[in-house]
Amino acid sequence: MAKEKQEEEMGEMKEGGEERTSKTSGYRYWVRGTMQGAAPEPVPYKLTAEELAGNGKPACLGSTWNQAGTWEEKVLSSWAWNRVKELLPTVEPVEFEGGTARVVEVTTCSGDASLITVRQKKKVGYTLEIEMKYSANVKQGEEKKDFEGKMKVPEACYGELDDLELDVIVSASDIKDSVQRKRVKQTLMDMFLPKIRRKLEDFEAELKER
């Protein structure tokens, strides 16, 4: 039965195709007479500039090599230090009874800042320690005296600016009266803190866009 079935199939192949013989081995095989319905051979296609740039896919976050957007960390500490040094001296001067004060410069800024891309989502983080120099003009008795001092943000962290703290140093050599010195110190803390916080909020917004 197997032999009869094989002969029957060979007969069908002869009816619908042609017989060919391999030149190297003499092996005989059959090819169907029609190729309708078969997949066409691939044709070379030149990509456009747009297709080369994006290949029709939406832009991915992170570096070009990380198109899958799995995990990537970008260290932005140096940028953060420089940006804080640019932003904080632009804090508006404060005026209070008997004096004025302004931020002169950021003397030191240290810590870490980074941008992490995970599964096409950005996560930013930073922890900074900031020291500033301020100048003040305060009335003492019948005269006004100019002096400089230091302010320090012990720790500024992403998402925790509501808990920001500011230390102000007023030297006894600049304001000899201890009561007035304490009052000026507290006034500078209360007035500068919200202004510095707003500048750091601007810094956070810029960090997210890096």
N, C-alpha and C. Protein backbone atom coordinates (compact mmCIF):
# COMPACT_ATOMS: atom_id res chain seq x y z
N MET A 1 0.83 -1.21 0.00
CA MET A 1 0.00 0.00 0.00
C MET A 1 0.86 1.25 0.00
N ALA A 2 1.93 1.26 0.79
CA ALA A 2 2.83 2.42 0.87
C ALA A 2 3.43 2.72 -0.47
N LYS A 3 3.82 1.64 -1.22
CA LYS A 3 4.44 1.83 -2.53
C LYS A 3 3.44 2.41 -3.50
N GLU A 4 2.16 1.92 -3.46
CA GLU A 4 1.14 2.43 -4.36
C GLU A 4 0.85 3.91 -4.07
N LYS A 5 0.82 4.29 -2.78
CA LYS A 5 0.56 5.68 -2.40
C LYS A 5 1.67 6.60 -2.88
N GLN A 6 2.92 6.13 -2.75
CA GLN A 6 4.08 6.92 -3.18
C GLN A 6 4.02 7.15 -4.69
N GLU A 7 3.63 6.08 -5.45
CA GLU A 7 3.55 6.22 -6.90
C GLU A 7 2.43 7.18 -7.29
N GLU A 8 1.34 7.17 -6.50
CA GLU A 8 0.22 8.06 -6.77
C GLU A 8 0.63 9.52 -6.58
N GLU A 9 1.39 9.79 -5.50
CA GLU A 9 1.85 11.15 -5.22
C GLU A 9 2.82 11.62 -6.29
N MET A 10 3.69 10.73 -6.76
CA MET A 10 4.63 11.08 -7.80
C MET A 10 3.88 11.44 -9.08
N GLY A 11 2.80 10.73 -9.34
CA GLY A 11 2.00 11.01 -10.52
C GLY A 11 1.38 12.40 -10.45
N GLU A 12 0.88 12.78 -9.28
CA GLU A 12 0.30 14.11 -9.10
C GLU A 12 1.33 15.19 -9.33
N MET A 13 2.57 14.96 -8.83
CA MET A 13 3.64 15.94 -8.99
C MET A 13 4.00 16.11 -10.45
N LYS A 14 3.99 15.00 -11.23
CA LYS A 14 4.33 15.07 -12.65
C LYS A 14 3.29 15.88 -13.41
N GLU A 15 2.01 15.75 -12.99
CA GLU A 15 0.94 16.46 -13.67
C GLU A 15 1.03 17.97 -13.43
N GLY A 16 1.44 18.38 -12.21
CA GLY A 16 1.41 19.80 -11.88
C GLY A 16 2.76 20.46 -11.90
N GLY A 17 3.82 19.78 -12.37
CA GLY A 17 5.12 20.43 -12.34
C GLY A 17 6.03 19.88 -13.39
N GLU A 18 7.33 20.11 -13.20
CA GLU A 18 8.32 19.63 -14.15
C GLU A 18 9.42 18.92 -13.41
N GLU A 19 10.04 17.99 -14.11
CA GLU A 19 11.10 17.19 -13.51
C GLU A 19 12.43 17.88 -13.76
N ARG A 20 13.28 17.97 -12.71
CA ARG A 20 14.60 18.55 -12.84
C ARG A 20 15.62 17.59 -12.24
N THR A 21 16.86 17.66 -12.75
CA THR A 21 17.92 16.79 -12.27
C THR A 21 19.10 17.63 -11.83
N SER A 22 19.63 17.39 -10.62
CA SER A 22 20.80 18.11 -10.13
C SER A 22 22.01 17.72 -10.95
N LYS A 23 22.79 18.75 -11.42
CA LYS A 23 23.96 18.49 -12.24
C LYS A 23 25.09 17.84 -11.45
N THR A 24 25.16 18.11 -10.18
CA THR A 24 26.29 17.61 -9.38
C THR A 24 26.08 16.19 -8.89
N SER A 25 24.86 15.89 -8.47
CA SER A 25 24.65 14.57 -7.86
C SER A 25 23.77 13.65 -8.70
N GLY A 26 23.12 14.21 -9.73
CA GLY A 26 22.22 13.39 -10.53
C GLY A 26 20.91 13.14 -9.82
N TYR A 27 20.70 13.84 -8.71
CA TYR A 27 19.46 13.66 -7.94
C TYR A 27 18.29 14.26 -8.70
N ARG A 28 17.21 13.52 -8.79
CA ARG A 28 16.04 13.97 -9.53
C ARG A 28 14.99 14.50 -8.55
N TYR A 29 14.42 15.70 -8.87
CA TYR A 29 13.40 16.27 -7.99
C TYR A 29 12.38 16.99 -8.86
N TRP A 30 11.24 17.32 -8.25
CA TRP A 30 10.15 17.93 -8.99
C TRP A 30 9.87 19.34 -8.46
N VAL A 31 9.55 20.28 -9.36
CA VAL A 31 9.20 21.65 -9.01
C VAL A 31 7.82 21.93 -9.55
N ARG A 32 6.97 22.53 -8.72
CA ARG A 32 5.62 22.84 -9.16
C ARG A 32 5.66 23.81 -10.34
N GLY A 33 4.75 23.62 -11.25
CA GLY A 33 4.75 24.43 -12.46
C GLY A 33 4.39 25.88 -12.21
N THR A 34 3.63 26.19 -11.20
CA THR A 34 3.23 27.57 -10.94
C THR A 34 3.71 28.00 -9.56
N MET A 35 4.13 29.30 -9.43
CA MET A 35 4.61 29.84 -8.15
C MET A 35 3.66 30.89 -7.61
N GLN A 36 2.42 30.90 -8.14
CA GLN A 36 1.45 31.87 -7.65
C GLN A 36 1.18 31.65 -6.17
N GLY A 37 1.11 32.76 -5.43
CA GLY A 37 0.84 32.67 -4.00
C GLY A 37 2.10 32.60 -3.16
N ALA A 38 3.25 32.34 -3.80
CA ALA A 38 4.50 32.28 -3.04
C ALA A 38 4.94 33.69 -2.67
N ALA A 39 5.70 33.83 -1.58
CA ALA A 39 6.17 35.13 -1.13
C ALA A 39 7.14 35.71 -2.14
N PRO A 40 7.02 37.00 -2.49
CA PRO A 40 7.94 37.61 -3.47
C PRO A 40 9.33 37.76 -2.87
N GLU A 41 10.31 37.82 -3.74
CA GLU A 41 11.67 38.01 -3.27
C GLU A 41 11.83 39.42 -2.71
N PRO A 42 12.64 39.58 -1.65
CA PRO A 42 12.82 40.92 -1.06
C PRO A 42 13.48 41.87 -2.03
N VAL A 43 13.00 43.14 -2.02
CA VAL A 43 13.55 44.16 -2.89
C VAL A 43 14.28 45.18 -2.04
N PRO A 44 15.52 45.56 -2.39
CA PRO A 44 16.26 46.55 -1.60
C PRO A 44 15.49 47.85 -1.51
N TYR A 45 15.54 48.49 -0.31
CA TYR A 45 14.79 49.73 -0.09
C TYR A 45 15.69 50.70 0.66
N LYS A 46 15.79 51.92 0.16
CA LYS A 46 16.64 52.94 0.77
C LYS A 46 15.84 53.73 1.80
N LEU A 47 16.34 53.77 3.04
CA LEU A 47 15.65 54.49 4.10
C LEU A 47 15.79 55.99 3.92
N THR A 48 14.76 56.73 4.33
CA THR A 48 14.82 58.18 4.28
C THR A 48 15.59 58.69 5.49
N ALA A 49 15.92 59.99 5.47
CA ALA A 49 16.65 60.58 6.60
C ALA A 49 15.82 60.50 7.88
N GLU A 50 14.50 60.70 7.75
CA GLU A 50 13.64 60.63 8.93
C GLU A 50 13.61 59.23 9.52
N GLU A 51 13.57 58.24 8.62
CA GLU A 51 13.53 56.85 9.10
C GLU A 51 14.84 56.46 9.76
N LEU A 52 15.96 56.99 9.20
CA LEU A 52 17.25 56.70 9.81
C LEU A 52 17.36 57.33 11.19
N ALA A 53 16.78 58.54 11.35
CA ALA A 53 16.88 59.25 12.63
C ALA A 53 16.02 58.62 13.69
N GLY A 54 14.77 58.29 13.36
CA GLY A 54 13.88 57.77 14.37
C GLY A 54 13.31 56.41 14.09
N ASN A 55 13.43 55.94 12.83
CA ASN A 55 12.89 54.64 12.43
C ASN A 55 11.41 54.52 12.74
N GLY A 56 10.74 55.68 12.73
CA GLY A 56 9.30 55.66 12.95
C GLY A 56 8.88 55.42 14.38
N LYS A 57 9.85 55.47 15.31
CA LYS A 57 9.52 55.20 16.72
C LYS A 57 9.51 56.50 17.50
N PRO A 58 8.73 56.59 18.58
CA PRO A 58 8.74 57.79 19.39
C PRO A 58 10.08 57.94 20.09
N ALA A 59 10.42 59.21 20.41
CA ALA A 59 11.70 59.48 21.07
C ALA A 59 11.74 58.78 22.42
N CYS A 60 12.91 58.20 22.72
CA CYS A 60 13.08 57.51 23.99
C CYS A 60 13.85 58.39 24.95
N LEU A 61 13.58 58.23 26.24
CA LEU A 61 14.34 58.94 27.25
C LEU A 61 15.69 58.29 27.41
N GLY A 62 16.65 59.07 27.92
CA GLY A 62 17.97 58.51 28.16
C GLY A 62 18.84 58.60 26.92
N SER A 63 19.97 57.90 26.95
CA SER A 63 20.95 57.94 25.88
C SER A 63 20.49 57.13 24.67
N THR A 64 21.17 57.38 23.53
CA THR A 64 20.83 56.68 22.30
C THR A 64 21.03 55.18 22.44
N TRP A 65 22.09 54.81 23.17
CA TRP A 65 22.38 53.38 23.32
C TRP A 65 21.34 52.68 24.18
N ASN A 66 20.59 53.45 24.97
CA ASN A 66 19.63 52.85 25.89
C ASN A 66 18.21 53.03 25.38
N GLN A 67 17.96 52.61 24.14
CA GLN A 67 16.65 52.80 23.54
C GLN A 67 15.55 52.04 24.28
N ALA A 68 15.92 50.96 24.95
CA ALA A 68 14.92 50.20 25.71
C ALA A 68 14.51 50.94 26.97
N GLY A 69 15.32 51.91 27.40
CA GLY A 69 14.98 52.69 28.58
C GLY A 69 14.94 51.87 29.84
N THR A 70 15.78 50.85 29.95
CA THR A 70 15.73 49.97 31.11
C THR A 70 16.24 50.65 32.37
N TRP A 71 17.51 51.04 32.39
CA TRP A 71 18.08 51.71 33.57
C TRP A 71 19.30 52.48 33.14
N GLU A 72 19.33 53.76 33.51
CA GLU A 72 20.48 54.59 33.18
C GLU A 72 20.61 55.70 34.22
N GLU A 73 21.81 55.93 34.71
CA GLU A 73 22.05 57.00 35.67
C GLU A 73 22.98 58.04 35.06
N LYS A 74 22.56 59.30 35.14
CA LYS A 74 23.38 60.40 34.65
C LYS A 74 23.80 61.24 35.86
N VAL A 75 25.09 61.34 36.10
CA VAL A 75 25.61 62.11 37.23
C VAL A 75 25.63 63.59 36.84
N LEU A 76 24.96 64.41 37.65
CA LEU A 76 24.83 65.84 37.36
C LEU A 76 25.36 66.71 38.49
N SER A 77 26.24 66.17 39.30
CA SER A 77 26.74 66.90 40.46
C SER A 77 27.43 68.21 40.07
N SER A 78 28.32 68.15 39.10
CA SER A 78 29.06 69.34 38.69
C SER A 78 28.11 70.42 38.17
N TRP A 79 27.14 70.01 37.36
CA TRP A 79 26.14 70.96 36.87
C TRP A 79 25.37 71.57 38.03
N ALA A 80 24.99 70.75 39.01
CA ALA A 80 24.20 71.22 40.15
C ALA A 80 24.97 72.25 40.96
N TRP A 81 26.23 71.99 41.23
CA TRP A 81 27.03 72.95 42.01
C TRP A 81 27.08 74.30 41.32
N ASN A 82 27.37 74.28 40.03
CA ASN A 82 27.49 75.53 39.28
C ASN A 82 26.16 76.27 39.18
N ARG A 83 25.08 75.51 39.01
CA ARG A 83 23.77 76.16 38.87
C ARG A 83 23.33 76.80 40.18
N VAL A 84 23.58 76.13 41.30
CA VAL A 84 23.24 76.71 42.60
C VAL A 84 24.04 77.99 42.84
N LYS A 85 25.30 77.98 42.43
CA LYS A 85 26.14 79.17 42.59
C LYS A 85 25.64 80.33 41.73
N GLU A 86 24.95 80.01 40.65
CA GLU A 86 24.38 81.06 39.80
C GLU A 86 23.04 81.56 40.34
N LEU A 87 22.24 80.66 40.88
CA LEU A 87 20.88 81.01 41.29
C LEU A 87 20.79 81.78 42.60
N LEU A 88 21.48 81.32 43.62
CA LEU A 88 21.27 81.89 44.96
C LEU A 88 21.70 83.35 45.09
N PRO A 89 22.74 83.81 44.40
CA PRO A 89 23.05 85.24 44.49
C PRO A 89 21.96 86.13 43.89
N THR A 90 21.02 85.55 43.16
CA THR A 90 19.92 86.34 42.58
C THR A 90 18.73 86.44 43.54
N VAL A 91 18.88 85.89 44.75
CA VAL A 91 17.83 86.03 45.77
C VAL A 91 17.63 87.53 46.05
N GLU A 92 16.38 87.94 46.12
CA GLU A 92 16.08 89.35 46.37
C GLU A 92 16.60 89.78 47.74
N PRO A 93 17.18 90.98 47.83
CA PRO A 93 17.64 91.49 49.13
C PRO A 93 16.46 91.61 50.10
N VAL A 94 16.75 91.56 51.37
CA VAL A 94 15.71 91.69 52.39
C VAL A 94 15.87 93.04 53.10
N GLU A 95 14.73 93.60 53.47
CA GLU A 95 14.72 94.85 54.23
C GLU A 95 13.96 94.62 55.52
N PHE A 96 14.51 95.10 56.59
CA PHE A 96 13.87 94.94 57.90
C PHE A 96 14.12 96.21 58.71
N GLU A 97 13.45 96.29 59.83
CA GLU A 97 13.58 97.49 60.66
C GLU A 97 15.03 97.66 61.13
N GLY A 98 15.62 98.71 60.66
CA GLY A 98 16.98 99.01 61.09
C GLY A 98 18.06 98.45 60.18
N GLY A 99 17.68 97.87 59.03
CA GLY A 99 18.75 97.36 58.18
C GLY A 99 18.30 96.67 56.90
N THR A 100 19.28 96.28 56.11
CA THR A 100 19.07 95.53 54.86
C THR A 100 20.16 94.46 54.76
N ALA A 101 19.91 93.46 53.91
CA ALA A 101 20.92 92.40 53.70
C ALA A 101 20.69 91.75 52.35
N ARG A 102 21.75 91.19 51.79
CA ARG A 102 21.65 90.50 50.50
C ARG A 102 22.68 89.38 50.44
N VAL A 103 22.41 88.39 49.58
CA VAL A 103 23.35 87.29 49.35
C VAL A 103 24.41 87.79 48.37
N VAL A 104 25.67 87.68 48.77
CA VAL A 104 26.77 88.12 47.91
C VAL A 104 27.19 87.02 46.95
N GLU A 105 27.43 85.83 47.49
CA GLU A 105 27.89 84.71 46.66
C GLU A 105 27.71 83.40 47.40
N VAL A 106 27.75 82.32 46.64
CA VAL A 106 27.82 80.97 47.22
C VAL A 106 29.29 80.62 47.30
N THR A 107 29.79 80.46 48.51
CA THR A 107 31.22 80.19 48.68
C THR A 107 31.55 78.72 48.44
N THR A 108 30.69 77.82 48.89
CA THR A 108 30.90 76.39 48.64
C THR A 108 29.56 75.70 48.41
N CYS A 109 29.59 74.72 47.53
CA CYS A 109 28.43 73.86 47.29
C CYS A 109 28.96 72.46 47.03
N SER A 110 28.55 71.51 47.84
CA SER A 110 29.04 70.14 47.69
C SER A 110 27.87 69.17 47.81
N GLY A 111 28.12 67.94 47.40
CA GLY A 111 27.08 66.92 47.46
C GLY A 111 26.93 66.21 46.12
N ASP A 112 25.80 65.54 45.95
CA ASP A 112 25.56 64.74 44.75
C ASP A 112 24.22 65.10 44.12
N ALA A 113 24.18 64.94 42.81
CA ALA A 113 22.93 65.11 42.06
C ALA A 113 22.95 64.16 40.88
N SER A 114 21.80 63.55 40.59
CA SER A 114 21.75 62.58 39.49
C SER A 114 20.36 62.51 38.90
N LEU A 115 20.31 62.00 37.68
CA LEU A 115 19.05 61.75 36.97
C LEU A 115 19.05 60.29 36.55
N ILE A 116 18.07 59.54 37.01
CA ILE A 116 17.98 58.11 36.70
C ILE A 116 16.77 57.87 35.80
N THR A 117 16.99 57.15 34.71
CA THR A 117 15.92 56.77 33.80
C THR A 117 15.63 55.28 33.98
N VAL A 118 14.42 54.95 34.41
CA VAL A 118 14.01 53.57 34.63
C VAL A 118 12.70 53.32 33.91
N ARG A 119 12.72 52.39 32.97
CA ARG A 119 11.50 52.03 32.23
C ARG A 119 10.80 53.27 31.66
N GLN A 120 11.60 54.11 30.99
CA GLN A 120 11.10 55.32 30.33
C GLN A 120 10.53 56.35 31.31
N LYS A 121 10.92 56.29 32.57
CA LYS A 121 10.49 57.28 33.56
C LYS A 121 11.71 57.90 34.21
N LYS A 122 11.64 59.23 34.43
CA LYS A 122 12.75 59.94 35.04
C LYS A 122 12.59 60.01 36.56
N LYS A 123 13.71 59.82 37.23
CA LYS A 123 13.76 59.98 38.68
C LYS A 123 14.99 60.81 39.01
N VAL A 124 14.75 61.98 39.64
CA VAL A 124 15.87 62.85 39.98
C VAL A 124 16.13 62.79 41.47
N GLY A 125 17.34 63.12 41.84
CA GLY A 125 17.69 63.14 43.25
C GLY A 125 18.93 63.99 43.48
N TYR A 126 18.98 64.63 44.62
CA TYR A 126 20.18 65.39 44.99
C TYR A 126 20.22 65.59 46.50
N THR A 127 21.41 65.74 47.00
CA THR A 127 21.65 66.11 48.40
C THR A 127 22.82 67.08 48.38
N LEU A 128 22.56 68.33 48.78
CA LEU A 128 23.58 69.37 48.69
C LEU A 128 23.77 70.08 50.03
N GLU A 129 24.99 70.50 50.26
CA GLU A 129 25.34 71.35 51.40
C GLU A 129 25.84 72.67 50.82
N ILE A 130 25.25 73.77 51.28
CA ILE A 130 25.51 75.07 50.65
C ILE A 130 25.93 76.10 51.69
N GLU A 131 26.99 76.82 51.39
CA GLU A 131 27.43 77.93 52.23
C GLU A 131 27.45 79.21 51.41
N MET A 132 26.97 80.29 52.01
CA MET A 132 26.87 81.57 51.31
C MET A 132 27.49 82.69 52.14
N LYS A 133 27.84 83.75 51.45
CA LYS A 133 28.29 84.97 52.13
C LYS A 133 27.23 86.04 51.93
N TYR A 134 26.88 86.74 52.98
CA TYR A 134 25.91 87.82 52.87
C TYR A 134 26.55 89.13 53.34
N SER A 135 26.00 90.21 52.89
CA SER A 135 26.40 91.53 53.38
C SER A 135 25.18 92.21 53.97
N ALA A 136 25.39 92.98 55.03
CA ALA A 136 24.28 93.63 55.72
C ALA A 136 24.66 95.04 56.13
N ASN A 137 23.63 95.84 56.29
CA ASN A 137 23.79 97.20 56.78
C ASN A 137 22.77 97.37 57.91
N VAL A 138 23.26 97.48 59.12
CA VAL A 138 22.37 97.48 60.28
C VAL A 138 22.63 98.71 61.14
N LYS A 139 21.55 99.31 61.57
CA LYS A 139 21.65 100.49 62.43
C LYS A 139 22.01 100.06 63.84
N GLN A 140 23.07 100.68 64.35
CA GLN A 140 23.51 100.40 65.71
C GLN A 140 23.68 101.74 66.42
N GLY A 141 22.75 102.00 67.32
CA GLY A 141 22.74 103.31 67.97
C GLY A 141 22.30 104.37 66.97
N GLU A 142 23.13 105.37 66.80
CA GLU A 142 22.82 106.46 65.87
C GLU A 142 23.44 106.24 64.49
N GLU A 143 24.20 105.19 64.34
CA GLU A 143 24.89 104.96 63.07
C GLU A 143 24.48 103.62 62.45
N LYS A 144 24.77 103.52 61.15
CA LYS A 144 24.57 102.26 60.45
C LYS A 144 25.93 101.65 60.12
N LYS A 145 26.03 100.36 60.30
CA LYS A 145 27.31 99.69 60.08
C LYS A 145 27.17 98.61 59.02
N ASP A 146 28.14 98.58 58.12
CA ASP A 146 28.18 97.53 57.10
C ASP A 146 29.05 96.38 57.60
N PHE A 147 28.59 95.17 57.36
CA PHE A 147 29.41 94.00 57.71
C PHE A 147 29.00 92.82 56.85
N GLU A 148 29.82 91.80 56.87
CA GLU A 148 29.55 90.56 56.12
C GLU A 148 29.50 89.38 57.08
N GLY A 149 28.74 88.37 56.68
CA GLY A 149 28.63 87.16 57.50
C GLY A 149 28.39 85.93 56.64
N LYS A 150 28.16 84.81 57.28
CA LYS A 150 27.95 83.55 56.57
C LYS A 150 26.56 82.99 56.84
N MET A 151 26.01 82.34 55.83
CA MET A 151 24.77 81.57 55.97
C MET A 151 25.04 80.17 55.43
N LYS A 152 24.36 79.20 56.02
CA LYS A 152 24.61 77.82 55.60
C LYS A 152 23.30 77.03 55.54
N VAL A 153 23.13 76.29 54.44
CA VAL A 153 22.06 75.29 54.32
C VAL A 153 22.72 73.95 54.58
N PRO A 154 22.48 73.35 55.78
CA PRO A 154 23.16 72.09 56.12
C PRO A 154 22.85 70.95 55.16
N GLU A 155 21.60 70.91 54.69
CA GLU A 155 21.21 69.82 53.78
C GLU A 155 19.99 70.24 52.96
N ALA A 156 20.15 70.21 51.66
CA ALA A 156 19.03 70.43 50.74
C ALA A 156 18.82 69.15 49.95
N CYS A 157 17.63 68.55 50.05
CA CYS A 157 17.35 67.27 49.40
C CYS A 157 16.13 67.38 48.50
N TYR A 158 16.14 66.57 47.46
CA TYR A 158 15.01 66.56 46.54
C TYR A 158 13.73 66.14 47.25
N GLY A 159 12.67 66.92 47.04
CA GLY A 159 11.37 66.59 47.62
C GLY A 159 11.23 66.92 49.09
N GLU A 160 12.26 67.54 49.69
CA GLU A 160 12.21 67.84 51.12
C GLU A 160 12.50 69.30 51.41
N LEU A 161 12.20 70.17 50.47
CA LEU A 161 12.50 71.58 50.65
C LEU A 161 11.61 72.24 51.70
N ASP A 162 10.47 71.64 52.01
CA ASP A 162 9.63 72.18 53.07
C ASP A 162 10.33 72.09 54.42
N ASP A 163 11.28 71.17 54.54
CA ASP A 163 12.02 71.00 55.79
C ASP A 163 13.37 71.70 55.76
N LEU A 164 13.58 72.58 54.78
CA LEU A 164 14.86 73.26 54.62
C LEU A 164 15.20 74.09 55.86
N GLU A 165 16.46 74.05 56.24
CA GLU A 165 16.94 74.83 57.38
C GLU A 165 18.03 75.78 56.93
N LEU A 166 18.13 76.92 57.62
CA LEU A 166 19.14 77.92 57.30
C LEU A 166 19.79 78.40 58.59
N ASP A 167 21.11 78.32 58.63
CA ASP A 167 21.88 78.82 59.76
C ASP A 167 22.52 80.14 59.37
N VAL A 168 22.40 81.14 60.23
CA VAL A 168 22.98 82.46 59.97
C VAL A 168 23.97 82.78 61.08
N ILE A 169 25.14 83.24 60.67
CA ILE A 169 26.17 83.60 61.64
C ILE A 169 26.33 85.12 61.64
N VAL A 170 26.16 85.72 62.82
CA VAL A 170 26.40 87.15 63.02
C VAL A 170 27.47 87.27 64.09
N SER A 171 28.59 87.84 63.72
CA SER A 171 29.72 87.93 64.65
C SER A 171 29.47 88.99 65.73
N ALA A 172 29.97 88.69 66.91
CA ALA A 172 29.86 89.63 68.03
C ALA A 172 30.66 90.90 67.76
N SER A 173 31.67 90.79 66.92
CA SER A 173 32.46 91.97 66.59
C SER A 173 31.70 92.92 65.66
N ASP A 174 30.69 92.39 64.96
CA ASP A 174 29.89 93.22 64.06
C ASP A 174 28.70 93.85 64.77
N ILE A 175 28.05 93.10 65.64
CA ILE A 175 26.96 93.64 66.45
C ILE A 175 27.27 93.27 67.90
N LYS A 176 27.70 94.26 68.65
CA LYS A 176 28.16 93.98 70.01
C LYS A 176 27.01 93.68 70.97
N ASP A 177 25.89 94.34 70.78
CA ASP A 177 24.75 94.12 71.66
C ASP A 177 24.17 92.73 71.40
N SER A 178 24.18 91.87 72.40
CA SER A 178 23.76 90.47 72.22
C SER A 178 22.28 90.35 71.86
N VAL A 179 21.44 91.23 72.45
CA VAL A 179 20.01 91.18 72.16
C VAL A 179 19.75 91.55 70.70
N GLN A 180 20.39 92.63 70.27
CA GLN A 180 20.22 93.04 68.87
C GLN A 180 20.81 91.99 67.92
N ARG A 181 21.94 91.44 68.30
CA ARG A 181 22.58 90.42 67.45
C ARG A 181 21.67 89.22 67.26
N LYS A 182 21.04 88.78 68.34
CA LYS A 182 20.13 87.64 68.25
C LYS A 182 18.91 87.98 67.40
N ARG A 183 18.42 89.22 67.55
CA ARG A 183 17.24 89.63 66.78
C ARG A 183 17.56 89.70 65.29
N VAL A 184 18.71 90.26 64.94
CA VAL A 184 19.10 90.37 63.53
C VAL A 184 19.31 88.97 62.94
N LYS A 185 19.93 88.10 63.69
CA LYS A 185 20.15 86.73 63.21
C LYS A 185 18.83 86.03 62.89
N GLN A 186 17.86 86.14 63.81
CA GLN A 186 16.56 85.49 63.59
C GLN A 186 15.82 86.13 62.42
N THR A 187 15.94 87.45 62.29
CA THR A 187 15.28 88.14 61.18
C THR A 187 15.83 87.69 59.84
N LEU A 188 17.15 87.57 59.75
CA LEU A 188 17.77 87.13 58.50
C LEU A 188 17.35 85.69 58.16
N MET A 189 17.28 84.84 59.16
CA MET A 189 16.84 83.46 58.94
C MET A 189 15.41 83.43 58.41
N ASP A 190 14.53 84.18 59.06
CA ASP A 190 13.11 84.16 58.69
C ASP A 190 12.86 84.74 57.30
N MET A 191 13.63 85.76 56.94
CA MET A 191 13.38 86.44 55.67
C MET A 191 14.09 85.79 54.49
N PHE A 192 15.27 85.26 54.72
CA PHE A 192 16.02 84.64 53.62
C PHE A 192 15.54 83.22 53.30
N LEU A 193 15.09 82.49 54.31
CA LEU A 193 14.75 81.08 54.11
C LEU A 193 13.73 80.85 53.00
N PRO A 194 12.56 81.53 53.00
CA PRO A 194 11.59 81.27 51.92
C PRO A 194 12.11 81.68 50.54
N LYS A 195 12.95 82.71 50.49
CA LYS A 195 13.50 83.15 49.21
C LYS A 195 14.48 82.12 48.65
N ILE A 196 15.31 81.58 49.54
CA ILE A 196 16.26 80.54 49.13
C ILE A 196 15.52 79.28 48.72
N ARG A 197 14.46 78.95 49.44
CA ARG A 197 13.66 77.76 49.10
C ARG A 197 13.09 77.88 47.68
N ARG A 198 12.58 79.05 47.34
CA ARG A 198 12.00 79.24 46.00
C ARG A 198 13.06 79.07 44.91
N LYS A 199 14.26 79.55 45.17
CA LYS A 199 15.34 79.38 44.19
C LYS A 199 15.71 77.91 44.03
N LEU A 200 15.70 77.17 45.12
CA LEU A 200 16.01 75.74 45.03
C LEU A 200 14.87 74.97 44.35
N GLU A 201 13.65 75.45 44.47
CA GLU A 201 12.54 74.85 43.72
C GLU A 201 12.74 75.05 42.22
N ASP A 202 13.24 76.23 41.85
CA ASP A 202 13.57 76.47 40.44
C ASP A 202 14.68 75.53 39.99
N PHE A 203 15.64 75.32 40.86
CA PHE A 203 16.75 74.41 40.57
C PHE A 203 16.23 72.99 40.34
N GLU A 204 15.31 72.54 41.18
CA GLU A 204 14.72 71.20 41.02
C GLU A 204 14.03 71.06 39.67
N ALA A 205 13.27 72.09 39.30
CA ALA A 205 12.55 72.04 38.02
C ALA A 205 13.53 71.93 36.85
N GLU A 206 14.63 72.64 36.93
CA GLU A 206 15.64 72.57 35.86
C GLU A 206 16.32 71.21 35.85
N LEU A 207 16.55 70.66 37.03
CA LEU A 207 17.20 69.35 37.13
C LEU A 207 16.36 68.27 36.44
N LYS A 208 15.05 68.35 36.58
CA LYS A 208 14.16 67.37 35.97
C LYS A 208 14.22 67.39 34.44
N GLU A 209 14.59 68.53 33.89
CA GLU A 209 14.62 68.67 32.43
C GLU A 209 15.97 68.33 31.83
N ARG A 210 16.93 67.97 32.65
CA ARG A 210 18.26 67.65 32.13
C ARG A 210 18.25 66.33 31.37
